[in-house]
């Protein structure tokens, strides 16, 4: 159920440019978060991909030990 923010490199570039500009000393030691205004969970992302492919999302949560042996 992790939340992800899909942000394209072109959207991040201006933030990094401002942060590293030689005349901008106010950013030294500061933290910056560049995120999408439309965050979604990994489950939501999987459901969107399935919908785009015209398929139902068949998702299940498994304990790690069970999940790692499924593909063997």
PDB file of N, CA and C in Angstrom:
ATOM      1  N   UNK A   1       0.812  -1.195   0.000  1.00  0.00           N
ATOM      2  CA  UNK A   1       0.000   0.000   0.000  1.00  0.00           C
ATOM      3  C   UNK A   1       0.858   1.263   0.000  1.00  0.00           C
ATOM      4  N   UNK A   2       2.074   1.152  -0.466  1.00  0.00           N
ATOM      5  CA  UNK A   2       2.941   2.326  -0.541  1.00  0.00           C
ATOM      6  C   UNK A   2       2.312   3.390  -1.433  1.00  0.00           C
ATOM      7  N   UNK A   3       2.545   4.628  -1.096  1.00  0.00           N
ATOM      8  CA  UNK A   3       2.090   5.743  -1.917  1.00  0.00           C
ATOM      9  C   UNK A   3       3.232   6.164  -2.828  1.00  0.00           C
ATOM     10  N   UNK A   4       2.934   6.319  -4.102  1.00  0.00           N
ATOM     11  CA  UNK A   4       3.955   6.737  -5.060  1.00  0.00           C
ATOM     12  C   UNK A   4       3.522   8.039  -5.725  1.00  0.00           C
ATOM     13  N   UNK A   5       4.498   8.809  -6.126  1.00  0.00           N
ATOM     14  CA  UNK A   5       4.281  10.075  -6.827  1.00  0.00           C
ATOM     15  C   UNK A   5       5.038   9.984  -8.146  1.00  0.00           C
ATOM     16  N   UNK A   6       4.303   9.810  -9.232  1.00  0.00           N
ATOM     17  CA  UNK A   6       4.973   9.765 -10.525  1.00  0.00           C
ATOM     18  C   UNK A   6       5.298  11.204 -10.941  1.00  0.00           C
ATOM     19  N   UNK A   7       6.574  11.502 -10.985  1.00  0.00           N
ATOM     20  CA  UNK A   7       7.023  12.840 -11.368  1.00  0.00           C
ATOM     21  C   UNK A   7       8.026  12.677 -12.503  1.00  0.00           C
ATOM     22  N   UNK A   8       7.761  13.306 -13.617  1.00  0.00           N
ATOM     23  CA  UNK A   8       8.643  13.242 -14.776  1.00  0.00           C
ATOM     24  C   UNK A   8       9.881  14.107 -14.544  1.00  0.00           C
ATOM     25  N   UNK A   9      11.005  13.719 -15.139  1.00  0.00           N
ATOM     26  CA  UNK A   9      12.261  14.457 -14.981  1.00  0.00           C
ATOM     27  C   UNK A   9      12.111  15.924 -15.365  1.00  0.00           C
ATOM     28  N   UNK A  10      11.326  16.207 -16.397  1.00  0.00           N
ATOM     29  CA  UNK A  10      11.140  17.596 -16.821  1.00  0.00           C
ATOM     30  C   UNK A  10      10.438  18.424 -15.740  1.00  0.00           C
ATOM     31  N   UNK A  11       9.630  17.762 -14.914  1.00  0.00           N
ATOM     32  CA  UNK A  11       8.944  18.466 -13.831  1.00  0.00           C
ATOM     33  C   UNK A  11       9.870  18.719 -12.645  1.00  0.00           C
ATOM     34  N   UNK A  12      10.868  17.875 -12.468  1.00  0.00           N
ATOM     35  CA  UNK A  12      11.815  18.030 -11.357  1.00  0.00           C
ATOM     36  C   UNK A  12      12.925  19.025 -11.666  1.00  0.00           C
ATOM     37  N   UNK A  13      13.284  19.134 -12.911  1.00  0.00           N
ATOM     38  CA  UNK A  13      14.456  19.927 -13.315  1.00  0.00           C
ATOM     39  C   UNK A  13      14.447  21.352 -12.764  1.00  0.00           C
ATOM     40  N   UNK A  14      13.349  22.110 -12.847  1.00  0.00           N
ATOM     41  CA  UNK A  14      13.381  23.486 -12.326  1.00  0.00           C
ATOM     42  C   UNK A  14      13.686  23.534 -10.823  1.00  0.00           C
ATOM     43  N   UNK A  15      13.204  22.568 -10.073  1.00  0.00           N
ATOM     44  CA  UNK A  15      13.469  22.555  -8.635  1.00  0.00           C
ATOM     45  C   UNK A  15      14.954  22.372  -8.352  1.00  0.00           C
ATOM     46  N   UNK A  16      15.587  21.466  -9.082  1.00  0.00           N
ATOM     47  CA  UNK A  16      17.005  21.233  -8.861  1.00  0.00           C
ATOM     48  C   UNK A  16      17.842  22.408  -9.363  1.00  0.00           C
ATOM     49  N   UNK A  17      17.382  23.048 -10.408  1.00  0.00           N
ATOM     50  CA  UNK A  17      18.092  24.214 -10.912  1.00  0.00           C
ATOM     51  C   UNK A  17      18.092  25.330  -9.868  1.00  0.00           C
ATOM     52  N   UNK A  18      16.949  25.571  -9.258  1.00  0.00           N
ATOM     53  CA  UNK A  18      16.859  26.602  -8.222  1.00  0.00           C
ATOM     54  C   UNK A  18      17.724  26.252  -7.014  1.00  0.00           C
ATOM     55  N   UNK A  19      17.709  24.981  -6.645  1.00  0.00           N
ATOM     56  CA  UNK A  19      18.441  24.547  -5.454  1.00  0.00           C
ATOM     57  C   UNK A  19      19.948  24.669  -5.639  1.00  0.00           C
ATOM     58  N   UNK A  20      20.447  24.456  -6.853  1.00  0.00           N
ATOM     59  CA  UNK A  20      21.892  24.444  -7.079  1.00  0.00           C
ATOM     60  C   UNK A  20      22.423  25.721  -7.719  1.00  0.00           C
ATOM     61  N   UNK A  21      21.570  26.716  -7.910  1.00  0.00           N
ATOM     62  CA  UNK A  21      22.016  27.959  -8.534  1.00  0.00           C
ATOM     63  C   UNK A  21      23.071  28.623  -7.642  1.00  0.00           C
ATOM     64  N   UNK A  22      24.200  29.080  -8.231  1.00  0.00           N
ATOM     65  CA  UNK A  22      25.299  29.632  -7.426  1.00  0.00           C
ATOM     66  C   UNK A  22      24.919  30.835  -6.563  1.00  0.00           C
ATOM     67  N   UNK A  23      23.916  31.603  -6.975  1.00  0.00           N
ATOM     68  CA  UNK A  23      23.565  32.786  -6.181  1.00  0.00           C
ATOM     69  C   UNK A  23      22.503  32.490  -5.127  1.00  0.00           C
ATOM     70  N   UNK A  24      22.026  31.255  -5.079  1.00  0.00           N
ATOM     71  CA  UNK A  24      20.989  30.880  -4.118  1.00  0.00           C
ATOM     72  C   UNK A  24      21.631  30.182  -2.932  1.00  0.00           C
ATOM     73  N   UNK A  25      21.994  30.947  -1.931  1.00  0.00           N
ATOM     74  CA  UNK A  25      22.610  30.349  -0.746  1.00  0.00           C
ATOM     75  C   UNK A  25      21.565  29.967   0.290  1.00  0.00           C
ATOM     76  N   UNK A  26      20.336  30.420   0.122  1.00  0.00           N
ATOM     77  CA  UNK A  26      19.279  30.106   1.081  1.00  0.00           C
ATOM     78  C   UNK A  26      18.917  28.622   1.076  1.00  0.00           C
ATOM     79  N   UNK A  27      19.252  27.910   0.018  1.00  0.00           N
ATOM     80  CA  UNK A  27      18.876  26.501  -0.058  1.00  0.00           C
ATOM     81  C   UNK A  27      19.878  25.577   0.620  1.00  0.00           C
ATOM     82  N   UNK A  28      21.025  26.095   1.025  1.00  0.00           N
ATOM     83  CA  UNK A  28      22.045  25.262   1.671  1.00  0.00           C
ATOM     84  C   UNK A  28      21.485  24.682   2.964  1.00  0.00           C
ATOM     85  N   UNK A  29      21.562  23.363   3.093  1.00  0.00           N
ATOM     86  CA  UNK A  29      21.075  22.689   4.280  1.00  0.00           C
ATOM     87  C   UNK A  29      19.584  22.465   4.324  1.00  0.00           C
ATOM     88  N   UNK A  30      18.867  22.814   3.266  1.00  0.00           N
ATOM     89  CA  UNK A  30      17.418  22.660   3.225  1.00  0.00           C
ATOM     90  C   UNK A  30      17.049  21.345   2.543  1.00  0.00           C
ATOM     91  N   UNK A  31      15.868  20.832   2.817  1.00  0.00           N
ATOM     92  CA  UNK A  31      15.340  19.640   2.171  1.00  0.00           C
ATOM     93  C   UNK A  31      14.200  20.056   1.245  1.00  0.00           C
ATOM     94  N   UNK A  32      14.117  19.421   0.091  1.00  0.00           N
ATOM     95  CA  UNK A  32      13.091  19.735  -0.890  1.00  0.00           C
ATOM     96  C   UNK A  32      12.357  18.466  -1.294  1.00  0.00           C
ATOM     97  N   UNK A  33      11.047  18.547  -1.412  1.00  0.00           N
ATOM     98  CA  UNK A  33      10.230  17.418  -1.815  1.00  0.00           C
ATOM     99  C   UNK A  33       9.518  17.797  -3.116  1.00  0.00           C
ATOM    100  N   UNK A  34       9.816  17.081  -4.175  1.00  0.00           N
ATOM    101  CA  UNK A  34       9.172  17.313  -5.460  1.00  0.00           C
ATOM    102  C   UNK A  34       8.239  16.125  -5.687  1.00  0.00           C
ATOM    103  N   UNK A  35       6.943  16.384  -5.601  1.00  0.00           N
ATOM    104  CA  UNK A  35       5.968  15.306  -5.688  1.00  0.00           C
ATOM    105  C   UNK A  35       4.868  15.650  -6.679  1.00  0.00           C
ATOM    106  N   UNK A  36       4.126  14.645  -7.033  1.00  0.00           N
ATOM    107  CA  UNK A  36       2.997  14.812  -7.941  1.00  0.00           C
ATOM    108  C   UNK A  36       1.776  15.290  -7.166  1.00  0.00           C
ATOM    109  N   UNK A  37       0.940  16.107  -7.772  1.00  0.00           N
ATOM    110  CA  UNK A  37      -0.308  16.487  -7.104  1.00  0.00           C
ATOM    111  C   UNK A  37      -1.315  15.337  -7.076  1.00  0.00           C
ATOM    112  N   UNK A  38      -1.015  14.250  -7.792  1.00  0.00           N
ATOM    113  CA  UNK A  38      -1.939  13.108  -7.861  1.00  0.00           C
ATOM    114  C   UNK A  38      -1.230  11.821  -7.449  1.00  0.00           C
ATOM    115  N   UNK A  39      -0.902  11.717  -6.186  1.00  0.00           N
ATOM    116  CA  UNK A  39      -0.266  10.506  -5.681  1.00  0.00           C
ATOM    117  C   UNK A  39      -1.251   9.348  -5.699  1.00  0.00           C
ATOM    118  N   UNK A  40      -0.744   8.127  -5.800  1.00  0.00           N
ATOM    119  CA  UNK A  40      -1.597   6.966  -5.729  1.00  0.00           C
ATOM    120  C   UNK A  40      -0.848   5.823  -5.062  1.00  0.00           C
ATOM    121  N   UNK A  41      -1.576   4.834  -4.601  1.00  0.00           N
ATOM    122  CA  UNK A  41      -0.945   3.677  -3.977  1.00  0.00           C
ATOM    123  C   UNK A  41      -0.458   2.735  -5.064  1.00  0.00           C
ATOM    124  N   UNK A  42       0.414   1.816  -4.689  1.00  0.00           N
ATOM    125  CA  UNK A  42       0.857   0.809  -5.651  1.00  0.00           C
ATOM    126  C   UNK A  42      -0.323  -0.036  -6.115  1.00  0.00           C
ATOM    127  N   UNK A  43      -1.270  -0.281  -5.214  1.00  0.00           N
ATOM    128  CA  UNK A  43      -2.480  -1.015  -5.608  1.00  0.00           C
ATOM    129  C   UNK A  43      -3.254  -0.208  -6.657  1.00  0.00           C
ATOM    130  N   UNK A  44      -3.428   1.081  -6.416  1.00  0.00           N
ATOM    131  CA  UNK A  44      -4.115   1.936  -7.380  1.00  0.00           C
ATOM    132  C   UNK A  44      -3.401   1.966  -8.721  1.00  0.00           C
ATOM    133  N   UNK A  45      -2.066   1.979  -8.683  1.00  0.00           N
ATOM    134  CA  UNK A  45      -1.267   1.970  -9.909  1.00  0.00           C
ATOM    135  C   UNK A  45      -1.506   0.670 -10.679  1.00  0.00           C
ATOM    136  N   UNK A  46      -1.485  -0.472  -9.970  1.00  0.00           N
ATOM    137  CA  UNK A  46      -1.731  -1.767 -10.619  1.00  0.00           C
ATOM    138  C   UNK A  46      -3.136  -1.830 -11.198  1.00  0.00           C
ATOM    139  N   UNK A  47      -4.110  -1.283 -10.475  1.00  0.00           N
ATOM    140  CA  UNK A  47      -5.486  -1.280 -10.970  1.00  0.00           C
ATOM    141  C   UNK A  47      -5.616  -0.422 -12.227  1.00  0.00           C
ATOM    142  N   UNK A  48      -4.910   0.711 -12.269  1.00  0.00           N
ATOM    143  CA  UNK A  48      -4.940   1.568 -13.465  1.00  0.00           C
ATOM    144  C   UNK A  48      -4.325   0.859 -14.665  1.00  0.00           C
ATOM    145  N   UNK A  49      -3.179   0.217 -14.459  1.00  0.00           N
ATOM    146  CA  UNK A  49      -2.520  -0.508 -15.559  1.00  0.00           C
ATOM    147  C   UNK A  49      -3.447  -1.603 -16.088  1.00  0.00           C
ATOM    148  N   UNK A  50      -4.057  -2.369 -15.184  1.00  0.00           N
ATOM    149  CA  UNK A  50      -4.974  -3.431 -15.600  1.00  0.00           C
ATOM    150  C   UNK A  50      -6.140  -2.848 -16.401  1.00  0.00           C
ATOM    151  N   UNK A  51      -6.693  -1.734 -15.930  1.00  0.00           N
ATOM    152  CA  UNK A  51      -7.809  -1.098 -16.635  1.00  0.00           C
ATOM    153  C   UNK A  51      -7.378  -0.648 -18.034  1.00  0.00           C
ATOM    154  N   UNK A  52      -6.183  -0.067 -18.152  1.00  0.00           N
ATOM    155  CA  UNK A  52      -5.696   0.367 -19.468  1.00  0.00           C
ATOM    156  C   UNK A  52      -5.549  -0.823 -20.418  1.00  0.00           C
ATOM    157  N   UNK A  53      -5.236  -1.989 -19.846  1.00  0.00           N
ATOM    158  CA  UNK A  53      -5.056  -3.190 -20.666  1.00  0.00           C
ATOM    159  C   UNK A  53      -6.356  -3.970 -20.839  1.00  0.00           C
ATOM    160  N   UNK A  54      -7.455  -3.429 -20.297  1.00  0.00           N
ATOM    161  CA  UNK A  54      -8.742  -4.088 -20.424  1.00  0.00           C
ATOM    162  C   UNK A  54      -8.859  -5.361 -19.608  1.00  0.00           C
ATOM    163  N   UNK A  55      -8.102  -5.455 -18.548  1.00  0.00           N
ATOM    164  CA  UNK A  55      -8.094  -6.646 -17.702  1.00  0.00           C
ATOM    165  C   UNK A  55      -8.544  -6.289 -16.291  1.00  0.00           C
ATOM    166  N   UNK A  56      -9.125  -7.237 -15.571  1.00  0.00           N
ATOM    167  CA  UNK A  56      -9.405  -6.985 -14.153  1.00  0.00           C
ATOM    168  C   UNK A  56      -8.098  -7.097 -13.360  1.00  0.00           C
ATOM    169  N   UNK A  57      -7.982  -6.328 -12.341  1.00  0.00           N
ATOM    170  CA  UNK A  57      -6.794  -6.410 -11.482  1.00  0.00           C
ATOM    171  C   UNK A  57      -7.015  -7.552 -10.497  1.00  0.00           C
ATOM    172  N   UNK A  58      -6.211  -8.585 -10.617  1.00  0.00           N
ATOM    173  CA  UNK A  58      -6.313  -9.725  -9.702  1.00  0.00           C
ATOM    174  C   UNK A  58      -5.154  -9.619  -8.716  1.00  0.00           C
ATOM    175  N   UNK A  59      -5.415  -8.944  -7.630  1.00  0.00           N
ATOM    176  CA  UNK A  59      -4.367  -8.644  -6.659  1.00  0.00           C
ATOM    177  C   UNK A  59      -4.600  -9.385  -5.353  1.00  0.00           C
ATOM    178  N   UNK A  60      -3.508  -9.782  -4.728  1.00  0.00           N
ATOM    179  CA  UNK A  60      -3.593 -10.432  -3.420  1.00  0.00           C
ATOM    180  C   UNK A  60      -2.354 -10.056  -2.619  1.00  0.00           C
ATOM    181  N   UNK A  61      -2.547  -9.873  -1.348  1.00  0.00           N
ATOM    182  CA  UNK A  61      -1.427  -9.600  -0.459  1.00  0.00           C
ATOM    183  C   UNK A  61      -0.965 -10.920   0.144  1.00  0.00           C
ATOM    184  N   UNK A  62       0.330 -11.181   0.084  1.00  0.00           N
ATOM    185  CA  UNK A  62       0.894 -12.415   0.609  1.00  0.00           C
ATOM    186  C   UNK A  62       2.025 -12.100   1.581  1.00  0.00           C
ATOM    187  N   UNK A  63       2.209 -12.938   2.591  1.00  0.00           N
ATOM    188  CA  UNK A  63       3.396 -12.783   3.423  1.00  0.00           C
ATOM    189  C   UNK A  63       4.640 -12.989   2.549  1.00  0.00           C
ATOM    190  N   UNK A  64       5.720 -12.314   2.846  1.00  0.00           N
ATOM    191  CA  UNK A  64       6.909 -12.357   2.001  1.00  0.00           C
ATOM    192  C   UNK A  64       7.394 -13.778   1.748  1.00  0.00           C
ATOM    193  N   UNK A  65       7.430 -14.611   2.784  1.00  0.00           N
ATOM    194  CA  UNK A  65       7.930 -15.987   2.600  1.00  0.00           C
ATOM    195  C   UNK A  65       7.104 -16.766   1.589  1.00  0.00           C
ATOM    196  N   UNK A  66       5.791 -16.545   1.574  1.00  0.00           N
ATOM    197  CA  UNK A  66       4.946 -17.209   0.587  1.00  0.00           C
ATOM    198  C   UNK A  66       5.129 -16.588  -0.785  1.00  0.00           C
ATOM    199  N   UNK A  67       5.245 -15.286  -0.839  1.00  0.00           N
ATOM    200  CA  UNK A  67       5.404 -14.585  -2.120  1.00  0.00           C
ATOM    201  C   UNK A  67       6.696 -14.997  -2.820  1.00  0.00           C
ATOM    202  N   UNK A  68       7.799 -15.091  -2.068  1.00  0.00           N
ATOM    203  CA  UNK A  68       9.087 -15.373  -2.714  1.00  0.00           C
ATOM    204  C   UNK A  68       9.172 -16.798  -3.271  1.00  0.00           C
ATOM    205  N   UNK A  69       8.330 -17.717  -2.779  1.00  0.00           N
ATOM    206  CA  UNK A  69       8.366 -19.095  -3.305  1.00  0.00           C
ATOM    207  C   UNK A  69       7.369 -19.302  -4.435  1.00  0.00           C
ATOM    208  N   UNK A  70       6.515 -18.357  -4.706  1.00  0.00           N
ATOM    209  CA  UNK A  70       5.488 -18.510  -5.744  1.00  0.00           C
ATOM    210  C   UNK A  70       6.056 -18.736  -7.141  1.00  0.00           C
ATOM    211  N   UNK A  71       7.151 -18.069  -7.468  1.00  0.00           N
ATOM    212  CA  UNK A  71       7.709 -18.166  -8.816  1.00  0.00           C
ATOM    213  C   UNK A  71       8.653 -19.327  -9.030  1.00  0.00           C
ATOM    214  N   UNK A  72       8.827 -20.152  -8.027  1.00  0.00           N
ATOM    215  CA  UNK A  72       9.788 -21.257  -8.157  1.00  0.00           C
ATOM    216  C   UNK A  72       9.136 -22.538  -8.616  1.00  0.00           C
TER     217      UNK A  72
END
